[in-house]
Amino acid sequence: MTLPAYRVYDSQGRLVHTNTCMKGTTEDNWETAGAIAGGAAAVAGLTLGIVALTR
């Protein structure tokens, strides 16, 4: 099974990590991407919650 290459950017839009489907690192890379995506979703949810509370 091959996973597609992906790119992860930080808050300034700089490239943080690319995955070229190398054996032995793919799983770790996807876990990192998942953690970054989860963190971004949490920040977005918190921001929306604050906006809703201040209305």
PDB file of N, CA and C in Angstrom:
ATOM      1  N   MET A   1       0.842  -1.195   0.000  1.00  0.00           N
ATOM      2  CA  MET A   1       0.000   0.000   0.000  1.00  0.00           C
ATOM      3  C   MET A   1       0.879   1.247   0.000  1.00  0.00           C
ATOM      4  N   THR A   2       0.638   2.127  -0.936  1.00  0.00           N
ATOM      5  CA  THR A   2       1.398   3.372  -0.969  1.00  0.00           C
ATOM      6  C   THR A   2       0.495   4.531  -0.607  1.00  0.00           C
ATOM      7  N   LEU A   3       1.025   5.439   0.169  1.00  0.00           N
ATOM      8  CA  LEU A   3       0.270   6.615   0.573  1.00  0.00           C
ATOM      9  C   LEU A   3       0.688   7.783  -0.306  1.00  0.00           C
ATOM     10  N   PRO A   4      -0.242   8.680  -0.606  1.00  0.00           N
ATOM     11  CA  PRO A   4       0.102   9.827  -1.445  1.00  0.00           C
ATOM     12  C   PRO A   4       1.042  10.779  -0.722  1.00  0.00           C
ATOM     13  N   ALA A   5       1.873  11.477  -1.470  1.00  0.00           N
ATOM     14  CA  ALA A   5       2.751  12.475  -0.868  1.00  0.00           C
ATOM     15  C   ALA A   5       1.901  13.633  -0.375  1.00  0.00           C
ATOM     16  N   TYR A   6       2.330  14.256   0.678  1.00  0.00           N
ATOM     17  CA  TYR A   6       1.579  15.397   1.198  1.00  0.00           C
ATOM     18  C   TYR A   6       2.547  16.434   1.745  1.00  0.00           C
ATOM     19  N   ARG A   7       2.050  17.626   1.942  1.00  0.00           N
ATOM     20  CA  ARG A   7       2.876  18.692   2.488  1.00  0.00           C
ATOM     21  C   ARG A   7       2.177  19.288   3.710  1.00  0.00           C
ATOM     22  N   VAL A   8       2.976  19.653   4.701  1.00  0.00           N
ATOM     23  CA  VAL A   8       2.444  20.269   5.909  1.00  0.00           C
ATOM     24  C   VAL A   8       3.089  21.640   6.058  1.00  0.00           C
ATOM     25  N   TYR A   9       2.267  22.660   6.293  1.00  0.00           N
ATOM     26  CA  TYR A   9       2.778  24.022   6.447  1.00  0.00           C
ATOM     27  C   TYR A   9       2.529  24.528   7.859  1.00  0.00           C
ATOM     28  N   ASP A  10       3.438  25.383   8.350  1.00  0.00           N
ATOM     29  CA  ASP A  10       3.222  25.989   9.661  1.00  0.00           C
ATOM     30  C   ASP A  10       2.379  27.250   9.512  1.00  0.00           C
ATOM     31  N   SER A  11       2.200  27.975  10.611  1.00  0.00           N
ATOM     32  CA  SER A  11       1.313  29.144  10.596  1.00  0.00           C
ATOM     33  C   SER A  11       1.808  30.268   9.692  1.00  0.00           C
ATOM     34  N   GLN A  12       3.107  30.283   9.373  1.00  0.00           N
ATOM     35  CA  GLN A  12       3.635  31.299   8.463  1.00  0.00           C
ATOM     36  C   GLN A  12       3.617  30.832   7.006  1.00  0.00           C
ATOM     37  N   GLY A  13       3.102  29.630   6.768  1.00  0.00           N
ATOM     38  CA  GLY A  13       3.020  29.120   5.409  1.00  0.00           C
ATOM     39  C   GLY A  13       4.309  28.491   4.907  1.00  0.00           C
ATOM     40  N   ARG A  14       5.240  28.211   5.820  1.00  0.00           N
ATOM     41  CA  ARG A  14       6.485  27.561   5.415  1.00  0.00           C
ATOM     42  C   ARG A  14       6.291  26.048   5.394  1.00  0.00           C
ATOM     43  N   LEU A  15       6.946  25.390   4.461  1.00  0.00           N
ATOM     44  CA  LEU A  15       6.836  23.935   4.356  1.00  0.00           C
ATOM     45  C   LEU A  15       7.539  23.286   5.543  1.00  0.00           C
ATOM     46  N   VAL A  16       6.808  22.467   6.276  1.00  0.00           N
ATOM     47  CA  VAL A  16       7.358  21.818   7.456  1.00  0.00           C
ATOM     48  C   VAL A  16       7.847  20.419   7.122  1.00  0.00           C
ATOM     49  N   HIS A  17       7.067  19.685   6.361  1.00  0.00           N
ATOM     50  CA  HIS A  17       7.412  18.284   6.130  1.00  0.00           C
ATOM     51  C   HIS A  17       6.793  17.772   4.838  1.00  0.00           C
ATOM     52  N   THR A  18       7.545  16.954   4.124  1.00  0.00           N
ATOM     53  CA  THR A  18       6.975  16.285   2.962  1.00  0.00           C
ATOM     54  C   THR A  18       7.159  14.790   3.141  1.00  0.00           C
ATOM     55  N   ASN A  19       6.241  14.034   2.586  1.00  0.00           N
ATOM     56  CA  ASN A  19       6.311  12.584   2.686  1.00  0.00           C
ATOM     57  C   ASN A  19       6.444  12.019   1.282  1.00  0.00           C
ATOM     58  N   THR A  20       7.518  11.284   1.047  1.00  0.00           N
ATOM     59  CA  THR A  20       7.727  10.688  -0.271  1.00  0.00           C
ATOM     60  C   THR A  20       7.558   9.175  -0.208  1.00  0.00           C
ATOM     61  N   CYS A  21       6.786   8.714   0.795  1.00  0.00           N
ATOM     62  CA  CYS A  21       6.452   7.297   0.918  1.00  0.00           C
ATOM     63  C   CYS A  21       7.675   6.411   1.109  1.00  0.00           C
ATOM     64  N   MET A  22       8.657   6.863   1.877  1.00  0.00           N
ATOM     65  CA  MET A  22       9.824   6.037   2.158  1.00  0.00           C
ATOM     66  C   MET A  22       9.465   5.001   3.208  1.00  0.00           C
ATOM     67  N   LYS A  23       9.918   3.774   3.002  1.00  0.00           N
ATOM     68  CA  LYS A  23       9.616   2.703   3.946  1.00  0.00           C
ATOM     69  C   LYS A  23      10.262   3.008   5.295  1.00  0.00           C
ATOM     70  N   GLY A  24       9.545   2.676   6.364  1.00  0.00           N
ATOM     71  CA  GLY A  24      10.080   2.845   7.704  1.00  0.00           C
ATOM     72  C   GLY A  24       9.754   4.194   8.318  1.00  0.00           C
ATOM     73  N   THR A  25       9.408   5.186   7.497  1.00  0.00           N
ATOM     74  CA  THR A  25       9.109   6.502   8.059  1.00  0.00           C
ATOM     75  C   THR A  25       7.680   6.920   7.765  1.00  0.00           C
ATOM     76  N   THR A  26       7.028   6.253   6.838  1.00  0.00           N
ATOM     77  CA  THR A  26       5.695   6.677   6.398  1.00  0.00           C
ATOM     78  C   THR A  26       4.705   6.735   7.554  1.00  0.00           C
ATOM     79  N   GLU A  27       4.684   5.709   8.388  1.00  0.00           N
ATOM     80  CA  GLU A  27       3.719   5.655   9.483  1.00  0.00           C
ATOM     81  C   GLU A  27       3.937   6.811  10.456  1.00  0.00           C
ATOM     82  N   ASP A  28       5.202   7.063  10.823  1.00  0.00           N
ATOM     83  CA  ASP A  28       5.515   8.171  11.728  1.00  0.00           C
ATOM     84  C   ASP A  28       5.109   9.508  11.116  1.00  0.00           C
ATOM     85  N   ASN A  29       5.371   9.664   9.834  1.00  0.00           N
ATOM     86  CA  ASN A  29       5.036  10.915   9.157  1.00  0.00           C
ATOM     87  C   ASN A  29       3.538  11.168   9.183  1.00  0.00           C
ATOM     88  N   TRP A  30       2.754  10.115   8.938  1.00  0.00           N
ATOM     89  CA  TRP A  30       1.299  10.284   8.937  1.00  0.00           C
ATOM     90  C   TRP A  30       0.783  10.569  10.334  1.00  0.00           C
ATOM     91  N   GLU A  31       1.421   9.997  11.353  1.00  0.00           N
ATOM     92  CA  GLU A  31       1.017  10.296  12.732  1.00  0.00           C
ATOM     93  C   GLU A  31       1.281  11.762  13.044  1.00  0.00           C
ATOM     94  N   THR A  32       2.433  12.272  12.579  1.00  0.00           N
ATOM     95  CA  THR A  32       2.781  13.683  12.789  1.00  0.00           C
ATOM     96  C   THR A  32       1.773  14.580  12.089  1.00  0.00           C
ATOM     97  N   ALA A  33       1.434  14.248  10.852  1.00  0.00           N
ATOM     98  CA  ALA A  33       0.462  15.041  10.092  1.00  0.00           C
ATOM     99  C   ALA A  33      -0.888  15.032  10.799  1.00  0.00           C
ATOM    100  N   GLY A  34      -1.261  13.885  11.342  1.00  0.00           N
ATOM    101  CA  GLY A  34      -2.525  13.779  12.063  1.00  0.00           C
ATOM    102  C   GLY A  34      -2.533  14.648  13.311  1.00  0.00           C
ATOM    103  N   ALA A  35      -1.397  14.682  14.012  1.00  0.00           N
ATOM    104  CA  ALA A  35      -1.299  15.505  15.220  1.00  0.00           C
ATOM    105  C   ALA A  35      -1.396  16.985  14.873  1.00  0.00           C
ATOM    106  N   ILE A  36      -0.741  17.382  13.782  1.00  0.00           N
ATOM    107  CA  ILE A  36      -0.794  18.780  13.333  1.00  0.00           C
ATOM    108  C   ILE A  36      -2.223  19.150  12.944  1.00  0.00           C
ATOM    109  N   ALA A  37      -2.878  18.270  12.182  1.00  0.00           N
ATOM    110  CA  ALA A  37      -4.253  18.528  11.748  1.00  0.00           C
ATOM    111  C   ALA A  37      -5.191  18.589  12.956  1.00  0.00           C
ATOM    112  N   GLY A  38      -4.987  17.692  13.918  1.00  0.00           N
ATOM    113  CA  GLY A  38      -5.808  17.688  15.127  1.00  0.00           C
ATOM    114  C   GLY A  38      -5.629  18.967  15.925  1.00  0.00           C
ATOM    115  N   GLY A  39      -4.387  19.427  16.029  1.00  0.00           N
ATOM    116  CA  GLY A  39      -4.100  20.671  16.742  1.00  0.00           C
ATOM    117  C   GLY A  39      -4.749  21.856  16.056  1.00  0.00           C
ATOM    118  N   ALA A  40      -4.671  21.893  14.727  1.00  0.00           N
ATOM    119  CA  ALA A  40      -5.283  22.989  13.962  1.00  0.00           C
ATOM    120  C   ALA A  40      -6.800  22.985  14.148  1.00  0.00           C
ATOM    121  N   ALA A  41      -7.396  21.792  14.150  1.00  0.00           N
ATOM    122  CA  ALA A  41      -8.846  21.685  14.340  1.00  0.00           C
ATOM    123  C   ALA A  41      -9.243  22.160  15.738  1.00  0.00           C
ATOM    124  N   ALA A  42      -8.422  21.831  16.732  1.00  0.00           N
ATOM    125  CA  ALA A  42      -8.709  22.259  18.106  1.00  0.00           C
ATOM    126  C   ALA A  42      -8.646  23.776  18.227  1.00  0.00           C
ATOM    127  N   VAL A  43      -7.638  24.382  17.609  1.00  0.00           N
ATOM    128  CA  VAL A  43      -7.508  25.847  17.629  1.00  0.00           C
ATOM    129  C   VAL A  43      -8.698  26.495  16.933  1.00  0.00           C
ATOM    130  N   ALA A  44      -9.093  25.938  15.786  1.00  0.00           N
ATOM    131  CA  ALA A  44     -10.237  26.483  15.044  1.00  0.00           C
ATOM    132  C   ALA A  44     -11.514  26.378  15.882  1.00  0.00           C
ATOM    133  N   GLY A  45     -11.711  25.246  16.540  1.00  0.00           N
ATOM    134  CA  GLY A  45     -12.888  25.049  17.382  1.00  0.00           C
ATOM    135  C   GLY A  45     -12.903  26.015  18.553  1.00  0.00           C
ATOM    136  N   LEU A  46     -11.749  26.213  19.172  1.00  0.00           N
ATOM    137  CA  LEU A  46     -11.643  27.142  20.294  1.00  0.00           C
ATOM    138  C   LEU A  46     -11.948  28.563  19.843  1.00  0.00           C
ATOM    139  N   THR A  47     -11.402  28.950  18.701  1.00  0.00           N
ATOM    140  CA  THR A  47     -11.639  30.292  18.154  1.00  0.00           C
ATOM    141  C   THR A  47     -13.124  30.511  17.885  1.00  0.00           C
ATOM    142  N   LEU A  48     -13.773  29.534  17.266  1.00  0.00           N
ATOM    143  CA  LEU A  48     -15.210  29.647  16.988  1.00  0.00           C
ATOM    144  C   LEU A  48     -16.012  29.743  18.281  1.00  0.00           C
ATOM    145  N   GLY A  49     -15.588  28.988  19.293  1.00  0.00           N
ATOM    146  CA  GLY A  49     -16.265  29.025  20.587  1.00  0.00           C
ATOM    147  C   GLY A  49     -16.159  30.396  21.237  1.00  0.00           C
ATOM    148  N   ILE A  50     -14.979  31.002  21.166  1.00  0.00           N
ATOM    149  CA  ILE A  50     -14.763  32.338  21.741  1.00  0.00           C
ATOM    150  C   ILE A  50     -15.606  33.373  20.994  1.00  0.00           C
ATOM    151  N   VAL A  51     -15.610  33.282  19.670  1.00  0.00           N
ATOM    152  CA  VAL A  51     -16.408  34.207  18.854  1.00  0.00           C
ATOM    153  C   VAL A  51     -17.885  34.087  19.223  1.00  0.00           C
ATOM    154  N   ALA A  52     -18.360  32.843  19.384  1.00  0.00           N
ATOM    155  CA  ALA A  52     -19.769  32.617  19.728  1.00  0.00           C
ATOM    156  C   ALA A  52     -20.099  33.198  21.105  1.00  0.00           C
ATOM    157  N   LEU A  53     -19.178  33.073  22.049  1.00  0.00           N
ATOM    158  CA  LEU A  53     -19.412  33.571  23.407  1.00  0.00           C
ATOM    159  C   LEU A  53     -19.436  35.096  23.481  1.00  0.00           C
ATOM    160  N   THR A  54     -18.660  35.742  22.617  1.00  0.00           N
ATOM    161  CA  THR A  54     -18.541  37.202  22.695  1.00  0.00           C
ATOM    162  C   THR A  54     -19.635  37.938  21.931  1.00  0.00           C
ATOM    163  N   ARG A  55     -20.498  37.204  21.242  1.00  0.00           N
ATOM    164  CA  ARG A  55     -21.571  37.873  20.483  1.00  0.00           C
ATOM    165  C   ARG A  55     -22.671  38.339  21.408  1.00  0.00           C
TER     166      ARG A  55
END
